[in-house]
Amino acid sequence: MRGAIVAAICAVMIGAPLVMSGNLWAKLPPPTEEAKAAAAAKAAKAAEAAKKDAELLSKSMDVTAEQYKKMQAAKAKGGPAMATPTAAKK
């Protein structure tokens, strides 16, 4: 009796997804011309934003590198280095 119940549960657990997977193979209708144009515009906008972000990142990296070089040069000369923040004492 117990084996029959286990077999029935296994059959349901394996069979149900197989039966329901038929819907997964359904095809969507092709996109309309408006949808294609909207997708192209969205892709162009995303590409422009990515280009702008890359330029901003490059500029900030250049600024950081220049600050580092100045700090290292000041340390090498023995001059005052940039102030470093200290933890607040209680």
PDB file of N, CA and C in Angstrom:
ATOM      1  N   MET A   1       0.827  -1.193   0.000  1.00  0.00           N
ATOM      2  CA  MET A   1       0.000   0.000   0.000  1.00  0.00           C
ATOM      3  C   MET A   1       0.873   1.260   0.000  1.00  0.00           C
ATOM      4  N   ARG A   2       1.880   1.248   0.851  1.00  0.00           N
ATOM      5  CA  ARG A   2       2.750   2.418   0.955  1.00  0.00           C
ATOM      6  C   ARG A   2       3.502   2.649  -0.358  1.00  0.00           C
ATOM      7  N   GLY A   3       3.937   1.584  -1.020  1.00  0.00           N
ATOM      8  CA  GLY A   3       4.641   1.695  -2.297  1.00  0.00           C
ATOM      9  C   GLY A   3       3.749   2.283  -3.381  1.00  0.00           C
ATOM     10  N   ALA A   4       2.486   1.950  -3.349  1.00  0.00           N
ATOM     11  CA  ALA A   4       1.561   2.486  -4.340  1.00  0.00           C
ATOM     12  C   ALA A   4       1.376   3.989  -4.146  1.00  0.00           C
ATOM     13  N   ILE A   5       1.325   4.416  -2.902  1.00  0.00           N
ATOM     14  CA  ILE A   5       1.169   5.853  -2.623  1.00  0.00           C
ATOM     15  C   ILE A   5       2.403   6.610  -3.084  1.00  0.00           C
ATOM     16  N   VAL A   6       3.578   6.069  -2.784  1.00  0.00           N
ATOM     17  CA  VAL A   6       4.820   6.709  -3.197  1.00  0.00           C
ATOM     18  C   VAL A   6       4.890   6.768  -4.719  1.00  0.00           C
ATOM     19  N   ALA A   7       4.495   5.697  -5.396  1.00  0.00           N
ATOM     20  CA  ALA A   7       4.510   5.667  -6.854  1.00  0.00           C
ATOM     21  C   ALA A   7       3.543   6.695  -7.426  1.00  0.00           C
ATOM     22  N   ALA A   8       2.382   6.850  -6.808  1.00  0.00           N
ATOM     23  CA  ALA A   8       1.402   7.824  -7.280  1.00  0.00           C
ATOM     24  C   ALA A   8       1.925   9.254  -7.093  1.00  0.00           C
ATOM     25  N   ILE A   9       2.547   9.511  -5.966  1.00  0.00           N
ATOM     26  CA  ILE A   9       3.093  10.850  -5.713  1.00  0.00           C
ATOM     27  C   ILE A   9       4.205  11.160  -6.707  1.00  0.00           C
ATOM     28  N   CYS A  10       5.068  10.187  -6.970  1.00  0.00           N
ATOM     29  CA  CYS A  10       6.151  10.383  -7.935  1.00  0.00           C
ATOM     30  C   CYS A  10       5.595  10.637  -9.332  1.00  0.00           C
ATOM     31  N   ALA A  11       4.563   9.915  -9.699  1.00  0.00           N
ATOM     32  CA  ALA A  11       3.958  10.094 -11.015  1.00  0.00           C
ATOM     33  C   ALA A  11       3.368  11.495 -11.148  1.00  0.00           C
ATOM     34  N   VAL A  12       2.737  11.975 -10.105  1.00  0.00           N
ATOM     35  CA  VAL A  12       2.159  13.320 -10.140  1.00  0.00           C
ATOM     36  C   VAL A  12       3.258  14.368 -10.198  1.00  0.00           C
ATOM     37  N   MET A  13       4.312  14.181  -9.413  1.00  0.00           N
ATOM     38  CA  MET A  13       5.385  15.164  -9.370  1.00  0.00           C
ATOM     39  C   MET A  13       6.156  15.220 -10.685  1.00  0.00           C
ATOM     40  N   ILE A  14       6.254  14.107 -11.375  1.00  0.00           N
ATOM     41  CA  ILE A  14       6.973  14.080 -12.652  1.00  0.00           C
ATOM     42  C   ILE A  14       6.031  14.405 -13.807  1.00  0.00           C
ATOM     43  N   GLY A  15       4.820  13.903 -13.749  1.00  0.00           N
ATOM     44  CA  GLY A  15       3.869  14.077 -14.851  1.00  0.00           C
ATOM     45  C   GLY A  15       3.311  15.479 -14.959  1.00  0.00           C
ATOM     46  N   ALA A  16       3.033  16.137 -13.848  1.00  0.00           N
ATOM     47  CA  ALA A  16       2.414  17.468 -13.888  1.00  0.00           C
ATOM     48  C   ALA A  16       3.297  18.486 -14.606  1.00  0.00           C
ATOM     49  N   PRO A  17       4.583  18.565 -14.295  1.00  0.00           N
ATOM     50  CA  PRO A  17       5.406  19.531 -15.044  1.00  0.00           C
ATOM     51  C   PRO A  17       5.509  19.207 -16.531  1.00  0.00           C
ATOM     52  N   LEU A  18       5.502  17.937 -16.878  1.00  0.00           N
ATOM     53  CA  LEU A  18       5.572  17.571 -18.290  1.00  0.00           C
ATOM     54  C   LEU A  18       4.321  18.007 -19.038  1.00  0.00           C
ATOM     55  N   VAL A  19       3.176  17.859 -18.410  1.00  0.00           N
ATOM     56  CA  VAL A  19       1.923  18.254 -19.034  1.00  0.00           C
ATOM     57  C   VAL A  19       1.864  19.772 -19.158  1.00  0.00           C
ATOM     58  N   MET A  20       2.315  20.475 -18.130  1.00  0.00           N
ATOM     59  CA  MET A  20       2.236  21.929 -18.134  1.00  0.00           C
ATOM     60  C   MET A  20       3.314  22.572 -18.994  1.00  0.00           C
ATOM     61  N   SER A  21       4.346  21.847 -19.353  1.00  0.00           N
ATOM     62  CA  SER A  21       5.433  22.424 -20.137  1.00  0.00           C
ATOM     63  C   SER A  21       5.051  22.650 -21.589  1.00  0.00           C
ATOM     64  N   GLY A  22       3.945  22.125 -22.015  1.00  0.00           N
ATOM     65  CA  GLY A  22       3.488  22.375 -23.383  1.00  0.00           C
ATOM     66  C   GLY A  22       3.280  23.850 -23.638  1.00  0.00           C
ATOM     67  N   ASN A  23       2.873  24.606 -22.637  1.00  0.00           N
ATOM     68  CA  ASN A  23       2.665  26.044 -22.793  1.00  0.00           C
ATOM     69  C   ASN A  23       3.979  26.792 -22.953  1.00  0.00           C
ATOM     70  N   LEU A  24       5.075  26.208 -22.513  1.00  0.00           N
ATOM     71  CA  LEU A  24       6.356  26.873 -22.612  1.00  0.00           C
ATOM     72  C   LEU A  24       6.867  26.960 -24.042  1.00  0.00           C
ATOM     73  N   TRP A  25       6.381  26.111 -24.898  1.00  0.00           N
ATOM     74  CA  TRP A  25       6.866  26.085 -26.271  1.00  0.00           C
ATOM     75  C   TRP A  25       6.036  26.984 -27.181  1.00  0.00           C
ATOM     76  N   ALA A  26       5.049  27.673 -26.649  1.00  0.00           N
ATOM     77  CA  ALA A  26       4.231  28.560 -27.461  1.00  0.00           C
ATOM     78  C   ALA A  26       5.080  29.733 -27.949  1.00  0.00           C
ATOM     79  N   LYS A  27       4.792  30.214 -29.148  1.00  0.00           N
ATOM     80  CA  LYS A  27       5.557  31.322 -29.713  1.00  0.00           C
ATOM     81  C   LYS A  27       4.780  32.621 -29.552  1.00  0.00           C
ATOM     82  N   LEU A  28       5.519  33.685 -29.335  1.00  0.00           N
ATOM     83  CA  LEU A  28       4.922  35.003 -29.274  1.00  0.00           C
ATOM     84  C   LEU A  28       4.782  35.550 -30.681  1.00  0.00           C
ATOM     85  N   PRO A  29       3.818  36.433 -30.878  1.00  0.00           N
ATOM     86  CA  PRO A  29       3.705  37.028 -32.214  1.00  0.00           C
ATOM     87  C   PRO A  29       4.901  37.935 -32.482  1.00  0.00           C
ATOM     88  N   PRO A  30       5.239  38.132 -33.742  1.00  0.00           N
ATOM     89  CA  PRO A  30       6.383  38.998 -34.047  1.00  0.00           C
ATOM     90  C   PRO A  30       6.090  40.434 -33.602  1.00  0.00           C
ATOM     91  N   PRO A  31       7.117  41.166 -33.225  1.00  0.00           N
ATOM     92  CA  PRO A  31       6.896  42.545 -32.775  1.00  0.00           C
ATOM     93  C   PRO A  31       6.428  43.442 -33.923  1.00  0.00           C
ATOM     94  N   THR A  32       5.633  44.429 -33.582  1.00  0.00           N
ATOM     95  CA  THR A  32       5.151  45.365 -34.591  1.00  0.00           C
ATOM     96  C   THR A  32       6.268  46.345 -34.941  1.00  0.00           C
ATOM     97  N   GLU A  33       6.044  47.123 -35.984  1.00  0.00           N
ATOM     98  CA  GLU A  33       7.045  48.105 -36.390  1.00  0.00           C
ATOM     99  C   GLU A  33       7.252  49.148 -35.296  1.00  0.00           C
ATOM    100  N   GLU A  34       6.164  49.519 -34.611  1.00  0.00           N
ATOM    101  CA  GLU A  34       6.282  50.487 -33.523  1.00  0.00           C
ATOM    102  C   GLU A  34       7.123  49.920 -32.383  1.00  0.00           C
ATOM    103  N   ALA A  35       6.914  48.653 -32.081  1.00  0.00           N
ATOM    104  CA  ALA A  35       7.679  48.014 -31.014  1.00  0.00           C
ATOM    105  C   ALA A  35       9.151  47.912 -31.394  1.00  0.00           C
ATOM    106  N   LYS A  36       9.416  47.618 -32.654  1.00  0.00           N
ATOM    107  CA  LYS A  36      10.803  47.545 -33.121  1.00  0.00           C
ATOM    108  C   LYS A  36      11.468  48.913 -33.026  1.00  0.00           C
ATOM    109  N   ALA A  37      10.752  49.958 -33.428  1.00  0.00           N
ATOM    110  CA  ALA A  37      11.304  51.309 -33.373  1.00  0.00           C
ATOM    111  C   ALA A  37      11.544  51.732 -31.927  1.00  0.00           C
ATOM    112  N   ALA A  38      10.610  51.388 -31.038  1.00  0.00           N
ATOM    113  CA  ALA A  38      10.767  51.733 -29.625  1.00  0.00           C
ATOM    114  C   ALA A  38      11.964  50.999 -29.027  1.00  0.00           C
ATOM    115  N   ALA A  39      12.140  49.746 -29.395  1.00  0.00           N
ATOM    116  CA  ALA A  39      13.275  48.975 -28.882  1.00  0.00           C
ATOM    117  C   ALA A  39      14.593  49.552 -29.397  1.00  0.00           C
ATOM    118  N   ALA A  40      14.619  49.973 -30.653  1.00  0.00           N
ATOM    119  CA  ALA A  40      15.837  50.559 -31.217  1.00  0.00           C
ATOM    120  C   ALA A  40      16.158  51.887 -30.524  1.00  0.00           C
ATOM    121  N   ALA A  41      15.126  52.689 -30.265  1.00  0.00           N
ATOM    122  CA  ALA A  41      15.341  53.966 -29.580  1.00  0.00           C
ATOM    123  C   ALA A  41      15.841  53.736 -28.154  1.00  0.00           C
ATOM    124  N   LYS A  42      15.278  52.753 -27.499  1.00  0.00           N
ATOM    125  CA  LYS A  42      15.688  52.429 -26.126  1.00  0.00           C
ATOM    126  C   LYS A  42      17.144  51.949 -26.117  1.00  0.00           C
ATOM    127  N   ALA A  43      17.519  51.141 -27.092  1.00  0.00           N
ATOM    128  CA  ALA A  43      18.896  50.649 -27.175  1.00  0.00           C
ATOM    129  C   ALA A  43      19.864  51.794 -27.455  1.00  0.00           C
ATOM    130  N   ALA A  44      19.472  52.722 -28.311  1.00  0.00           N
ATOM    131  CA  ALA A  44      20.332  53.860 -28.608  1.00  0.00           C
ATOM    132  C   ALA A  44      20.502  54.743 -27.381  1.00  0.00           C
ATOM    133  N   LYS A  45      19.417  54.950 -26.649  1.00  0.00           N
ATOM    134  CA  LYS A  45      19.474  55.762 -25.437  1.00  0.00           C
ATOM    135  C   LYS A  45      20.369  55.098 -24.395  1.00  0.00           C
ATOM    136  N   ALA A  46      20.262  53.777 -24.263  1.00  0.00           N
ATOM    137  CA  ALA A  46      21.096  53.043 -23.309  1.00  0.00           C
ATOM    138  C   ALA A  46      22.566  53.105 -23.715  1.00  0.00           C
ATOM    139  N   ALA A  47      22.842  53.028 -24.999  1.00  0.00           N
ATOM    140  CA  ALA A  47      24.226  53.105 -25.479  1.00  0.00           C
ATOM    141  C   ALA A  47      24.806  54.490 -25.209  1.00  0.00           C
ATOM    142  N   GLU A  48      24.010  55.528 -25.412  1.00  0.00           N
ATOM    143  CA  GLU A  48      24.472  56.889 -25.146  1.00  0.00           C
ATOM    144  C   GLU A  48      24.746  57.086 -23.655  1.00  0.00           C
ATOM    145  N   ALA A  49      23.866  56.550 -22.809  1.00  0.00           N
ATOM    146  CA  ALA A  49      24.064  56.656 -21.363  1.00  0.00           C
ATOM    147  C   ALA A  49      25.320  55.903 -20.930  1.00  0.00           C
ATOM    148  N   ALA A  50      25.558  54.747 -21.515  1.00  0.00           N
ATOM    149  CA  ALA A  50      26.746  53.968 -21.177  1.00  0.00           C
ATOM    150  C   ALA A  50      28.015  54.717 -21.606  1.00  0.00           C
ATOM    151  N   LYS A  51      27.960  55.370 -22.756  1.00  0.00           N
ATOM    152  CA  LYS A  51      29.113  56.144 -23.235  1.00  0.00           C
ATOM    153  C   LYS A  51      29.388  57.313 -22.293  1.00  0.00           C
ATOM    154  N   LYS A  52      28.336  57.996 -21.870  1.00  0.00           N
ATOM    155  CA  LYS A  52      28.481  59.125 -20.959  1.00  0.00           C
ATOM    156  C   LYS A  52      29.042  58.662 -19.614  1.00  0.00           C
ATOM    157  N   ASP A  53      28.523  57.537 -19.114  1.00  0.00           N
ATOM    158  CA  ASP A  53      29.025  56.991 -17.851  1.00  0.00           C
ATOM    159  C   ASP A  53      30.499  56.615 -17.949  1.00  0.00           C
ATOM    160  N   ALA A  54      30.901  56.053 -19.084  1.00  0.00           N
ATOM    161  CA  ALA A  54      32.302  55.668 -19.271  1.00  0.00           C
ATOM    162  C   ALA A  54      33.198  56.904 -19.293  1.00  0.00           C
ATOM    163  N   GLU A  55      32.733  57.985 -19.913  1.00  0.00           N
ATOM    164  CA  GLU A  55      33.517  59.217 -19.939  1.00  0.00           C
ATOM    165  C   GLU A  55      33.663  59.799 -18.536  1.00  0.00           C
ATOM    166  N   LEU A  56      32.565  59.802 -17.769  1.00  0.00           N
ATOM    167  CA  LEU A  56      32.621  60.315 -16.402  1.00  0.00           C
ATOM    168  C   LEU A  56      33.557  59.482 -15.532  1.00  0.00           C
ATOM    169  N   LEU A  57      33.504  58.178 -15.706  1.00  0.00           N
ATOM    170  CA  LEU A  57      34.393  57.298 -14.955  1.00  0.00           C
ATOM    171  C   LEU A  57      35.845  57.568 -15.310  1.00  0.00           C
ATOM    172  N   SER A  58      36.116  57.750 -16.597  1.00  0.00           N
ATOM    173  CA  SER A  58      37.482  58.028 -17.039  1.00  0.00           C
ATOM    174  C   SER A  58      37.989  59.340 -16.447  1.00  0.00           C
ATOM    175  N   LYS A  59      37.133  60.374 -16.438  1.00  0.00           N
ATOM    176  CA  LYS A  59      37.536  61.658 -15.873  1.00  0.00           C
ATOM    177  C   LYS A  59      37.819  61.531 -14.376  1.00  0.00           C
ATOM    178  N   SER A  60      36.953  60.820 -13.667  1.00  0.00           N
ATOM    179  CA  SER A  60      37.166  60.689 -12.221  1.00  0.00           C
ATOM    180  C   SER A  60      38.418  59.879 -11.920  1.00  0.00           C
ATOM    181  N   MET A  61      38.719  58.892 -12.744  1.00  0.00           N
ATOM    182  CA  MET A  61      39.944  58.120 -12.557  1.00  0.00           C
ATOM    183  C   MET A  61      41.174  58.993 -12.821  1.00  0.00           C
ATOM    184  N   ASP A  62      41.090  59.877 -13.814  1.00  0.00           N
ATOM    185  CA  ASP A  62      42.203  60.787 -14.092  1.00  0.00           C
ATOM    186  C   ASP A  62      42.432  61.741 -12.925  1.00  0.00           C
ATOM    187  N   VAL A  63      41.354  62.277 -12.377  1.00  0.00           N
ATOM    188  CA  VAL A  63      41.473  63.196 -11.240  1.00  0.00           C
ATOM    189  C   VAL A  63      42.093  62.478 -10.051  1.00  0.00           C
ATOM    190  N   THR A  64      41.641  61.267  -9.789  1.00  0.00           N
ATOM    191  CA  THR A  64      42.173  60.489  -8.669  1.00  0.00           C
ATOM    192  C   THR A  64      43.656  60.192  -8.870  1.00  0.00           C
ATOM    193  N   ALA A  65      44.031  59.845 -10.085  1.00  0.00           N
ATOM    194  CA  ALA A  65      45.438  59.556 -10.369  1.00  0.00           C
ATOM    195  C   ALA A  65      46.293  60.809 -10.172  1.00  0.00           C
ATOM    196  N   GLU A  66      45.803  61.954 -10.613  1.00  0.00           N
ATOM    197  CA  GLU A  66      46.559  63.199 -10.429  1.00  0.00           C
ATOM    198  C   GLU A  66      46.716  63.527  -8.945  1.00  0.00           C
ATOM    199  N   GLN A  67      45.659  63.353  -8.173  1.00  0.00           N
ATOM    200  CA  GLN A  67      45.741  63.602  -6.735  1.00  0.00           C
ATOM    201  C   GLN A  67      46.758  62.671  -6.080  1.00  0.00           C
ATOM    202  N   TYR A  68      46.757  61.433  -6.489  1.00  0.00           N
ATOM    203  CA  TYR A  68      47.701  60.459  -5.941  1.00  0.00           C
ATOM    204  C   TYR A  68      49.140  60.851  -6.278  1.00  0.00           C
ATOM    205  N   LYS A  69      49.354  61.253  -7.531  1.00  0.00           N
ATOM    206  CA  LYS A  69      50.702  61.654  -7.943  1.00  0.00           C
ATOM    207  C   LYS A  69      51.189  62.860  -7.142  1.00  0.00           C
ATOM    208  N   LYS A  70      50.297  63.837  -6.937  1.00  0.00           N
ATOM    209  CA  LYS A  70      50.667  65.018  -6.160  1.00  0.00           C
ATOM    210  C   LYS A  70      50.998  64.638  -4.722  1.00  0.00           C
ATOM    211  N   MET A  71      50.211  63.749  -4.158  1.00  0.00           N
ATOM    212  CA  MET A  71      50.440  63.321  -2.778  1.00  0.00           C
ATOM    213  C   MET A  71      51.771  62.576  -2.662  1.00  0.00           C
ATOM    214  N   GLN A  72      52.073  61.727  -3.620  1.00  0.00           N
ATOM    215  CA  GLN A  72      53.334  60.989  -3.591  1.00  0.00           C
ATOM    216  C   GLN A  72      54.519  61.917  -3.787  1.00  0.00           C
ATOM    217  N   ALA A  73      54.370  62.921  -4.636  1.00  0.00           N
ATOM    218  CA  ALA A  73      55.446  63.876  -4.858  1.00  0.00           C
ATOM    219  C   ALA A  73      55.692  64.689  -3.588  1.00  0.00           C
ATOM    220  N   ALA A  74      54.623  65.078  -2.903  1.00  0.00           N
ATOM    221  CA  ALA A  74      54.765  65.833  -1.659  1.00  0.00           C
ATOM    222  C   ALA A  74      55.440  64.981  -0.590  1.00  0.00           C
ATOM    223  N   LYS A  75      55.128  63.715  -0.525  1.00  0.00           N
ATOM    224  CA  LYS A  75      55.762  62.816   0.442  1.00  0.00           C
ATOM    225  C   LYS A  75      57.252  62.664   0.128  1.00  0.00           C
ATOM    226  N   ALA A  76      57.580  62.581  -1.153  1.00  0.00           N
ATOM    227  CA  ALA A  76      58.973  62.389  -1.554  1.00  0.00           C
ATOM    228  C   ALA A  76      59.814  63.626  -1.222  1.00  0.00           C
ATOM    229  N   LYS A  77      59.231  64.795  -1.317  1.00  0.00           N
ATOM    230  CA  LYS A  77      59.948  66.030  -1.006  1.00  0.00           C
ATOM    231  C   LYS A  77      60.052  66.256   0.499  1.00  0.00           C
ATOM    232  N   GLY A  78      59.274  65.535   1.242  1.00  0.00           N
ATOM    233  CA  GLY A  78      59.297  65.694   2.688  1.00  0.00           C
ATOM    234  C   GLY A  78      58.369  66.805   3.153  1.00  0.00           C
ATOM    235  N   GLY A  79      57.586  67.304   2.249  1.00  0.00           N
ATOM    236  CA  GLY A  79      56.647  68.362   2.581  1.00  0.00           C
ATOM    237  C   GLY A  79      55.426  67.802   3.295  1.00  0.00           C
ATOM    238  N   PRO A  80      54.527  68.692   3.640  1.00  0.00           N
ATOM    239  CA  PRO A  80      53.331  68.227   4.332  1.00  0.00           C
ATOM    240  C   PRO A  80      52.470  67.390   3.395  1.00  0.00           C
ATOM    241  N   ALA A  81      52.116  66.250   3.854  1.00  0.00           N
ATOM    242  CA  ALA A  81      51.235  65.384   3.088  1.00  0.00           C
ATOM    243  C   ALA A  81      49.802  65.834   3.316  1.00  0.00           C
ATOM    244  N   MET A  82      48.919  65.344   2.512  1.00  0.00           N
ATOM    245  CA  MET A  82      47.508  65.679   2.682  1.00  0.00           C
ATOM    246  C   MET A  82      47.043  65.172   4.038  1.00  0.00           C
ATOM    247  N   ALA A  83      46.170  65.933   4.662  1.00  0.00           N
ATOM    248  CA  ALA A  83      45.670  65.552   5.976  1.00  0.00           C
ATOM    249  C   ALA A  83      44.831  64.290   5.849  1.00  0.00           C
ATOM    250  N   THR A  84      45.036  63.383   6.767  1.00  0.00           N
ATOM    251  CA  THR A  84      44.232  62.179   6.803  1.00  0.00           C
ATOM    252  C   THR A  84      43.233  62.279   7.924  1.00  0.00           C
ATOM    253  N   PRO A  85      42.003  61.873   7.683  1.00  0.00           N
ATOM    254  CA  PRO A  85      41.009  61.978   8.738  1.00  0.00           C
ATOM    255  C   PRO A  85      41.322  61.019   9.872  1.00  0.00           C
ATOM    256  N   THR A  86      41.077  61.481  11.080  1.00  0.00           N
ATOM    257  CA  THR A  86      41.303  60.635  12.249  1.00  0.00           C
ATOM    258  C   THR A  86      39.969  60.277  12.864  1.00  0.00           C
ATOM    259  N   ALA A  87      39.942  59.169  13.535  1.00  0.00           N
ATOM    260  CA  ALA A  87      38.708  58.723  14.176  1.00  0.00           C
ATOM    261  C   ALA A  87      38.418  59.623  15.360  1.00  0.00           C
ATOM    262  N   ALA A  88      37.156  59.862  15.586  1.00  0.00           N
ATOM    263  CA  ALA A  88      36.762  60.701  16.722  1.00  0.00           C
ATOM    264  C   ALA A  88      37.043  59.966  18.004  1.00  0.00           C
ATOM    265  N   LYS A  89      37.701  60.657  18.942  1.00  0.00           N
ATOM    266  CA  LYS A  89      38.032  60.036  20.233  1.00  0.00           C
ATOM    267  C   LYS A  89      36.943  60.349  21.219  1.00  0.00           C
ATOM    268  N   LYS A  90      36.598  59.360  22.020  1.00  0.00           N
ATOM    269  CA  LYS A  90      35.548  59.545  23.024  1.00  0.00           C
ATOM    270  C   LYS A  90      36.134  59.742  24.384  1.00  0.00           C
TER     271      LYS A  90
END
